[in-house]
């Protein structure tokens, strides 16, 4: 009811412990707080907050148009409702190294368990589009150093994403990953790996946990959790899956509503009122203080 029961620090500590467990963690992308409640209830390991999803929710392309305030605001709303750790996409850190430092502290204050920062130039673009440009390794190392220095909770996870695979090749991406881990990154996010063999190469290159991005319609083969775990991947995100499912259903429903002139034919495809109220935990609110506020379900 209202807020998560576990503190932000305890969620961060649990995240770090889980990353070292040797098992694969599954983080679906939540496009709003209610989605995070469902992810929690169904037994996933954590919640991911995608920059691409947040941009799309604002009807914007994922090209660096969102601000730190917008990202921290939505990410904080999502982290508020779940006892699971929440990992957020912090793009390039929203500016120079000093901006990166502020970004980390703002995200800590918002209750996130960690964030990932990428080595693209600013403004960035979606990691599975062509034509990306990356900054020098030295520039990214400065971003990582700023992030690690700025955090106040040592359990807040700093993940370094490299987009170098597309433009510089796998060998360059692995070299960058080593440098980022040496600079203090707690986890490496190698973006747009082509197949399982490339994840295995990245696993061999670094000693810290690695993250796999299983986004649809992108550069990467959609691998099973069993395959990813066999390759030594520690965390898999499904950043846009739920938004795509939801928007596909919304568009189909709108078209049928326009054609039929009624939603009657759509009712059996809808989440029921009772199920929604169950997710929102109406009974807990109803019994919290019946002298102050009472209603019947």
Protein backbone atom coordinates (compact mmCIF):
# COMPACT_ATOMS: atom_id res chain seq x y z
CA UNK A 1 0.00 0.00 0.00
CA UNK A 2 1.30 3.46 -1.01
CA UNK A 3 5.03 2.72 -1.00
CA UNK A 4 7.43 -0.21 -1.10
CA UNK A 5 8.07 -1.78 2.29
CA UNK A 6 11.82 -2.23 1.77
CA UNK A 7 14.19 0.71 1.95
CA UNK A 8 16.15 1.84 -1.08
CA UNK A 9 19.39 0.73 0.58
CA UNK A 10 18.07 -2.77 1.29
CA UNK A 11 16.94 -3.12 -2.32
CA UNK A 12 20.40 -2.04 -3.52
CA UNK A 13 22.12 -4.49 -1.19
CA UNK A 14 19.82 -7.28 -2.40
CA UNK A 15 20.59 -6.35 -6.01
CA UNK A 16 24.34 -6.60 -5.44
CA UNK A 17 23.98 -9.92 -3.68
CA UNK A 18 21.81 -11.29 -6.49
CA UNK A 19 24.30 -10.17 -9.13
CA UNK A 20 26.97 -12.26 -7.43
CA UNK A 21 24.73 -15.31 -7.05
CA UNK A 22 25.63 -16.87 -10.41
CA UNK A 23 22.03 -17.06 -11.56
CA UNK A 24 20.44 -15.00 -14.31
CA UNK A 25 18.30 -12.09 -13.13
CA UNK A 26 15.25 -11.12 -15.22
CA UNK A 27 14.24 -7.44 -15.37
CA UNK A 28 11.23 -6.64 -17.58
CA UNK A 29 10.80 -2.99 -18.51
CA UNK A 30 7.99 -1.22 -16.65
CA UNK A 31 6.28 1.55 -18.60
CA UNK A 32 4.44 2.83 -15.51
CA UNK A 33 4.20 2.07 -11.78
CA UNK A 34 1.24 -0.30 -12.18
CA UNK A 35 3.30 -2.42 -14.56
CA UNK A 36 6.01 -2.61 -11.88
CA UNK A 37 3.43 -3.89 -9.40
CA UNK A 38 2.53 -6.69 -11.80
CA UNK A 39 6.19 -7.53 -12.48
CA UNK A 40 6.69 -7.80 -8.73
CA UNK A 41 3.62 -9.95 -8.15
CA UNK A 42 4.53 -12.43 -10.88
CA UNK A 43 7.93 -13.13 -9.38
CA UNK A 44 10.54 -11.46 -11.56
CA UNK A 45 13.88 -10.43 -10.08
CA UNK A 46 13.76 -6.71 -10.72
CA UNK A 47 12.31 -3.85 -12.73
CA UNK A 48 13.95 -2.00 -15.59
CA UNK A 49 13.16 1.60 -16.54
CA UNK A 50 13.97 2.09 -20.21
CA UNK A 51 14.94 5.42 -21.71
CA UNK A 52 13.39 4.35 -24.99
CA UNK A 53 10.10 3.57 -23.25
CA UNK A 54 10.11 6.82 -21.31
CA UNK A 55 10.75 8.74 -24.52
CA UNK A 56 8.01 6.86 -26.35
CA UNK A 57 5.60 7.49 -23.49
CA UNK A 58 6.19 11.19 -24.09
CA UNK A 59 5.68 10.63 -27.85
CA UNK A 60 9.35 11.40 -28.47
CA UNK A 61 12.04 9.41 -30.29
CA UNK A 62 14.90 7.97 -28.26
CA UNK A 63 17.51 10.51 -29.34
CA UNK A 64 18.44 12.21 -26.08
CA UNK A 65 15.48 14.58 -25.82
CA UNK A 66 14.40 13.63 -22.31
CA UNK A 67 15.79 15.43 -19.28
CA UNK A 68 17.18 14.22 -15.98
CA UNK A 69 14.11 15.62 -14.24
CA UNK A 70 11.76 13.60 -16.47
CA UNK A 71 13.77 10.39 -16.15
CA UNK A 72 14.25 10.66 -12.39
CA UNK A 73 10.60 11.54 -11.88
CA UNK A 74 9.20 8.55 -13.74
CA UNK A 75 11.89 6.18 -12.43
CA UNK A 76 11.17 7.28 -8.88
CA UNK A 77 7.45 6.69 -9.35
CA UNK A 78 8.21 3.15 -10.50
CA UNK A 79 10.76 2.43 -7.75
CA UNK A 80 8.29 3.68 -5.16
CA UNK A 81 5.82 0.82 -5.66
CA UNK A 82 8.08 -2.24 -5.73
CA UNK A 83 10.27 -4.06 -3.25
CA UNK A 84 12.35 -5.28 -6.19
CA UNK A 85 15.49 -3.41 -7.25
CA UNK A 86 14.90 -0.98 -10.11
CA UNK A 87 17.60 -0.27 -12.71
CA UNK A 88 17.24 2.86 -14.84
CA UNK A 89 18.65 3.95 -18.18
CA UNK A 90 20.53 7.21 -17.55
CA UNK A 91 21.63 7.67 -21.19
CA UNK A 92 24.95 9.54 -21.33
CA UNK A 93 24.47 11.05 -17.86
CA UNK A 94 22.79 14.21 -19.19
CA UNK A 95 25.94 16.21 -19.78
CA UNK A 96 29.56 16.47 -18.74
CA UNK A 97 31.12 14.49 -15.85
CA UNK A 98 29.77 16.94 -13.27
CA UNK A 99 26.28 16.38 -14.71
CA UNK A 100 26.89 12.62 -14.47
CA UNK A 101 27.73 13.03 -10.79
CA UNK A 102 24.51 14.94 -10.16
CA UNK A 103 22.55 12.36 -12.15
CA UNK A 104 23.74 9.55 -9.89
CA UNK A 105 22.82 11.44 -6.73
CA UNK A 106 19.38 12.41 -8.07
CA UNK A 107 18.69 8.77 -8.99
CA UNK A 108 19.85 7.63 -5.55
CA UNK A 109 17.41 10.10 -4.00
CA UNK A 110 14.66 8.71 -6.24
CA UNK A 111 15.11 5.23 -4.77
CA UNK A 112 16.74 3.48 -7.72
CA UNK A 113 19.02 0.49 -7.14
CA UNK A 114 21.33 1.38 -10.01
CA UNK A 115 21.69 3.04 -13.39
CA UNK A 116 23.56 2.50 -16.60
CA UNK A 117 25.58 5.12 -18.43
CA UNK A 118 26.64 4.78 -22.05
CA UNK A 119 29.60 5.81 -24.16
CA UNK A 120 27.67 7.40 -27.01
CA UNK A 121 28.14 11.02 -27.93
CA UNK A 122 25.49 13.41 -26.70
CA UNK A 123 22.81 13.57 -28.06
CA UNK A 124 22.59 9.79 -28.28
CA UNK A 125 20.35 7.53 -30.30
CA UNK A 126 18.67 4.19 -29.74
CA UNK A 127 21.30 1.48 -29.31
CA UNK A 128 19.87 -0.69 -32.09
CA UNK A 129 19.87 2.00 -34.78
CA UNK A 130 22.64 2.50 -37.30
CA UNK A 131 24.93 5.51 -37.36
CA UNK A 132 25.81 5.68 -33.67
CA UNK A 133 28.94 7.51 -32.57
CA UNK A 134 30.87 6.86 -29.38
CA UNK A 135 33.13 9.07 -27.34
CA UNK A 136 36.73 8.10 -26.66
CA UNK A 137 37.45 5.48 -24.04
CA UNK A 138 39.10 8.19 -21.93
CA UNK A 139 35.94 10.33 -22.05
CA UNK A 140 33.77 7.43 -20.91
CA UNK A 141 36.21 6.57 -18.14
CA UNK A 142 35.77 10.14 -16.86
CA UNK A 143 31.99 9.62 -16.83
CA UNK A 144 32.36 6.41 -14.85
CA UNK A 145 34.81 7.98 -12.42
CA UNK A 146 32.39 10.86 -11.82
CA UNK A 147 29.52 8.43 -11.20
CA UNK A 148 31.47 6.22 -8.80
CA UNK A 149 32.85 9.22 -6.91
CA UNK A 150 29.44 10.86 -6.58
CA UNK A 151 27.42 7.97 -5.20
CA UNK A 152 26.83 8.03 -1.46
CA UNK A 153 25.49 4.49 -1.14
CA UNK A 154 28.22 2.04 -2.13
CA UNK A 155 25.55 -0.51 -3.01
CA UNK A 156 24.12 1.71 -5.78
CA UNK A 157 25.12 -0.17 -8.94
CA UNK A 158 26.96 1.74 -11.67
CA UNK A 159 26.63 -0.11 -14.98
CA UNK A 160 28.68 0.98 -18.00
CA UNK A 161 27.14 0.46 -21.42
CA UNK A 162 29.26 0.35 -24.53
CA UNK A 163 27.79 0.92 -27.98
CA UNK A 164 31.13 0.33 -29.71
CA UNK A 165 30.19 -3.06 -31.19
CA UNK A 166 28.28 -1.51 -34.10
CA UNK A 167 30.94 0.95 -35.26
CA UNK A 168 34.24 -0.40 -33.97
CA UNK A 169 33.65 -4.16 -33.78
CA UNK A 170 33.54 -6.75 -31.03
CA UNK A 171 37.24 -6.62 -30.15
CA UNK A 172 37.07 -2.87 -29.55
CA UNK A 173 33.91 -3.29 -27.48
CA UNK A 174 35.60 -5.86 -25.24
CA UNK A 175 38.62 -3.59 -24.80
CA UNK A 176 36.35 -0.77 -23.78
CA UNK A 177 34.51 -3.07 -21.37
CA UNK A 178 37.81 -3.91 -19.65
CA UNK A 179 38.68 -0.24 -19.32
CA UNK A 180 35.25 0.58 -17.91
CA UNK A 181 35.44 -2.21 -15.35
CA UNK A 182 38.92 -1.03 -14.36
CA UNK A 183 37.49 2.48 -13.89
CA UNK A 184 35.04 1.18 -11.31
CA UNK A 185 31.94 0.09 -13.22
CA UNK A 186 30.09 -2.61 -11.28
CA UNK A 187 28.52 -4.16 -14.38
CA UNK A 188 29.01 -4.01 -18.15
CA UNK A 189 26.17 -3.61 -20.66
CA UNK A 190 27.46 -4.58 -24.13
CA UNK A 191 24.82 -3.16 -26.46
CA UNK A 192 23.71 -4.81 -29.72
CA UNK A 193 25.58 -8.10 -29.40
CA UNK A 194 24.74 -10.18 -32.46
CA UNK A 195 24.53 -13.66 -30.95
CA UNK A 196 25.40 -15.88 -28.01
CA UNK A 197 29.04 -16.19 -29.05
CA UNK A 198 29.49 -12.44 -28.67
CA UNK A 199 28.08 -12.54 -25.15
CA UNK A 200 30.49 -15.37 -24.39
CA UNK A 201 33.37 -13.25 -25.68
CA UNK A 202 32.31 -10.37 -23.47
CA UNK A 203 31.98 -12.72 -20.50
CA UNK A 204 35.57 -13.86 -21.06
CA UNK A 205 36.79 -10.27 -21.28
CA UNK A 206 35.65 -8.96 -17.88
CA UNK A 207 35.28 -10.20 -14.33
CA UNK A 208 32.29 -8.05 -13.38
CA UNK A 209 28.64 -8.98 -14.10
CA UNK A 210 27.34 -8.44 -17.64
CA UNK A 211 23.89 -7.47 -18.88
CA UNK A 212 22.05 -8.66 -21.99
CA UNK A 213 19.50 -6.49 -23.75
CA UNK A 214 16.80 -8.66 -25.33
CA UNK A 215 14.89 -6.03 -27.24
CA UNK A 216 12.65 -6.95 -30.15
CA UNK A 217 13.27 -5.81 -33.74
CA UNK A 218 16.89 -4.99 -32.95
CA UNK A 219 20.39 -6.19 -33.76
CA UNK A 220 20.51 -9.01 -31.20
CA UNK A 221 19.17 -12.53 -31.56
CA UNK A 222 16.37 -13.11 -29.05
CA UNK A 223 18.02 -15.66 -26.80
CA UNK A 224 16.38 -17.79 -24.12
CA UNK A 225 17.17 -17.38 -20.45
CA UNK A 226 18.75 -20.84 -20.49
CA UNK A 227 21.12 -19.82 -23.30
CA UNK A 228 22.04 -16.53 -21.64
CA UNK A 229 22.68 -18.22 -18.32
CA UNK A 230 24.89 -20.81 -20.02
CA UNK A 231 26.96 -17.95 -21.48
CA UNK A 232 27.52 -16.47 -18.03
CA UNK A 233 25.19 -13.47 -18.42
CA UNK A 234 24.10 -12.11 -15.04
CA UNK A 235 21.12 -9.94 -15.93
CA UNK A 236 18.72 -9.76 -18.87
CA UNK A 237 16.43 -6.82 -19.58
CA UNK A 238 13.31 -6.80 -21.76
CA UNK A 239 13.08 -3.03 -22.10
CA UNK A 240 10.23 -2.38 -24.53
CA UNK A 241 8.38 -5.72 -24.51
CA UNK A 242 5.50 -4.69 -22.27
CA UNK A 243 4.98 -1.31 -23.95
CA UNK A 244 4.87 -3.01 -27.36
CA UNK A 245 2.36 -5.56 -26.11
CA UNK A 246 0.20 -2.87 -24.56
CA UNK A 247 0.31 -0.49 -27.52
CA UNK A 248 -0.45 -3.33 -29.93
CA UNK A 249 -3.56 -4.17 -27.91
CA UNK A 250 -4.53 -0.50 -27.62
CA UNK A 251 -4.27 0.06 -31.36
CA UNK A 252 -6.28 -3.07 -32.15
CA UNK A 253 -8.91 -2.03 -29.65
CA UNK A 254 -9.19 1.50 -31.00
CA UNK A 255 -9.61 0.20 -34.54
CA UNK A 256 -12.36 -2.18 -33.47
CA UNK A 257 -14.07 0.55 -31.44
CA UNK A 258 -14.00 2.82 -34.48
CA UNK A 259 -15.42 0.07 -36.70
CA UNK A 260 -18.04 -1.38 -34.34
CA UNK A 261 -19.12 1.78 -32.58
CA UNK A 262 -18.99 -0.05 -29.24
CA UNK A 263 -16.41 -1.69 -26.99
CA UNK A 264 -18.70 -4.66 -26.30
CA UNK A 265 -16.59 -6.97 -28.48
CA UNK A 266 -13.44 -6.02 -26.58
CA UNK A 267 -14.55 -6.66 -23.02
CA UNK A 268 -13.30 -10.25 -22.91
CA UNK A 269 -9.80 -9.00 -23.84
CA UNK A 270 -9.68 -6.45 -21.02
CA UNK A 271 -8.23 -6.69 -17.55
CA UNK A 272 -11.28 -6.90 -15.30
CA UNK A 273 -12.18 -4.27 -12.73
CA UNK A 274 -11.69 -6.82 -9.95
CA UNK A 275 -8.20 -7.72 -11.19
CA UNK A 276 -7.23 -4.05 -11.40
CA UNK A 277 -8.48 -3.46 -7.87
CA UNK A 278 -6.53 -6.50 -6.70
CA UNK A 279 -3.30 -5.07 -8.16
CA UNK A 280 -4.03 -1.68 -6.59
CA UNK A 281 -4.72 -3.39 -3.24
CA UNK A 282 -8.04 -1.62 -2.70
CA UNK A 283 -8.89 -3.75 0.38
CA UNK A 284 -5.79 -2.51 2.22
CA UNK A 285 -6.75 1.10 1.62
CA UNK A 286 -10.32 0.35 2.66
CA UNK A 287 -9.28 -1.09 6.01
CA UNK A 288 -6.46 1.37 6.74
CA UNK A 289 -8.69 3.86 8.52
CA UNK A 290 -12.39 3.25 8.02
CA UNK A 291 -13.24 6.18 10.29
CA UNK A 292 -11.56 8.59 7.88
CA UNK A 293 -12.30 7.08 4.52
CA UNK A 294 -14.48 4.15 3.61
CA UNK A 295 -15.92 2.72 0.43
CA UNK A 296 -17.28 -0.53 -0.87
CA UNK A 297 -15.72 -2.57 -3.68
